[in-house]
Amino acid sequence: MQQRQESKAGLRAEAIQANKLACAGLVLLPLAVRGNVPGHEIEYPMAIVILGLVTSTLLNLLVLTTLALRYGRFRA
């Protein structure tokens, strides 16, 4: 019973982290697209860096996993 509760908690934590990641990317997208406008001298570089981190994380999670499952050789 204890292990089952821990697995539910782990799944919930993963869902929360995925939601945070998606929200951070969507919130900062307008700042990055608009460019360096007056009054946003600090937010624009921060938006670019955070969007880069979000993009690299998504690429690692989705693309590399797909490629590894498709072309990788795994030992049993």
Protein backbone atom coordinates (compact mmCIF):
# COMPACT_ATOMS: atom_id res chain seq x y z
CA MET A 1 0.00 0.00 0.00
CA GLN A 2 2.86 2.36 0.86
CA GLN A 3 4.55 1.79 -2.50
CA ARG A 4 1.32 2.49 -4.35
CA GLN A 5 0.94 5.84 -2.60
CA GLU A 6 4.53 6.76 -3.42
CA SER A 7 4.00 5.98 -7.11
CA LYS A 8 0.88 8.15 -7.18
CA ALA A 9 2.83 10.97 -5.56
CA GLY A 10 5.60 10.56 -8.13
CA LEU A 11 3.16 10.75 -11.02
CA ARG A 12 1.55 13.82 -9.52
CA ALA A 13 4.94 15.51 -9.11
CA GLU A 14 5.79 14.80 -12.76
CA ALA A 15 2.50 16.31 -13.90
CA ILE A 16 3.07 19.41 -11.80
CA GLN A 17 6.60 19.86 -13.17
CA ALA A 18 5.40 19.44 -16.75
CA ASN A 19 2.70 22.04 -16.12
CA LYS A 20 5.23 24.49 -14.67
CA LEU A 21 7.52 24.00 -17.66
CA ALA A 22 4.73 24.59 -20.16
CA CYS A 23 3.47 27.68 -18.32
CA ALA A 24 6.95 29.19 -18.12
CA GLY A 25 7.43 28.73 -21.85
CA LEU A 26 4.04 30.15 -22.76
CA VAL A 27 4.30 33.15 -20.44
CA LEU A 28 7.72 34.17 -21.71
CA LEU A 29 6.95 33.60 -25.39
CA PRO A 30 5.46 37.09 -26.00
CA LEU A 31 8.48 38.71 -24.38
CA ALA A 32 10.85 36.80 -26.63
CA VAL A 33 8.83 37.40 -29.81
CA ARG A 34 8.30 41.13 -29.25
CA GLY A 35 11.98 41.75 -28.98
CA ASN A 36 13.95 44.26 -26.99
CA VAL A 37 11.43 47.06 -26.42
CA PRO A 38 11.93 49.97 -24.01
CA GLY A 39 11.07 49.01 -20.47
CA HIS A 40 11.89 45.33 -20.95
CA GLU A 41 15.67 45.47 -20.95
CA ILE A 42 15.92 42.84 -18.23
CA GLU A 43 13.01 40.60 -19.17
CA TYR A 44 13.97 40.07 -22.83
CA PRO A 45 17.33 38.33 -22.24
CA MET A 46 15.81 36.34 -19.39
CA ALA A 47 12.96 35.22 -21.66
CA ILE A 48 15.41 34.09 -24.34
CA VAL A 49 17.46 32.08 -21.85
CA ILE A 50 14.46 30.43 -20.21
CA LEU A 51 12.86 29.61 -23.57
CA GLY A 52 16.15 28.05 -24.62
CA LEU A 53 16.15 25.91 -21.49
CA VAL A 54 12.53 24.89 -22.07
CA THR A 55 13.26 24.03 -25.71
CA SER A 56 16.35 21.98 -24.88
CA THR A 57 14.48 20.12 -22.14
CA LEU A 58 11.60 19.27 -24.46
CA LEU A 59 14.02 18.14 -27.18
CA ASN A 60 15.86 15.92 -24.72
CA LEU A 61 12.66 14.43 -23.36
CA LEU A 62 10.86 13.87 -26.65
CA VAL A 63 13.27 13.66 -29.57
CA LEU A 64 16.18 11.86 -27.95
CA THR A 65 13.89 9.38 -26.22
CA THR A 66 12.14 8.64 -29.50
CA LEU A 67 15.44 8.18 -31.32
CA ALA A 68 16.81 5.95 -28.58
CA LEU A 69 13.71 3.76 -28.61
CA ARG A 70 13.72 3.57 -32.40
CA TYR A 71 17.41 3.02 -33.12
CA GLY A 72 18.95 2.09 -29.79
CA ARG A 73 20.15 -1.34 -28.84
CA PHE A 74 19.25 -2.28 -25.31
CA ARG A 75 20.54 -5.21 -23.35
CA ALA A 76 18.07 -7.33 -21.47
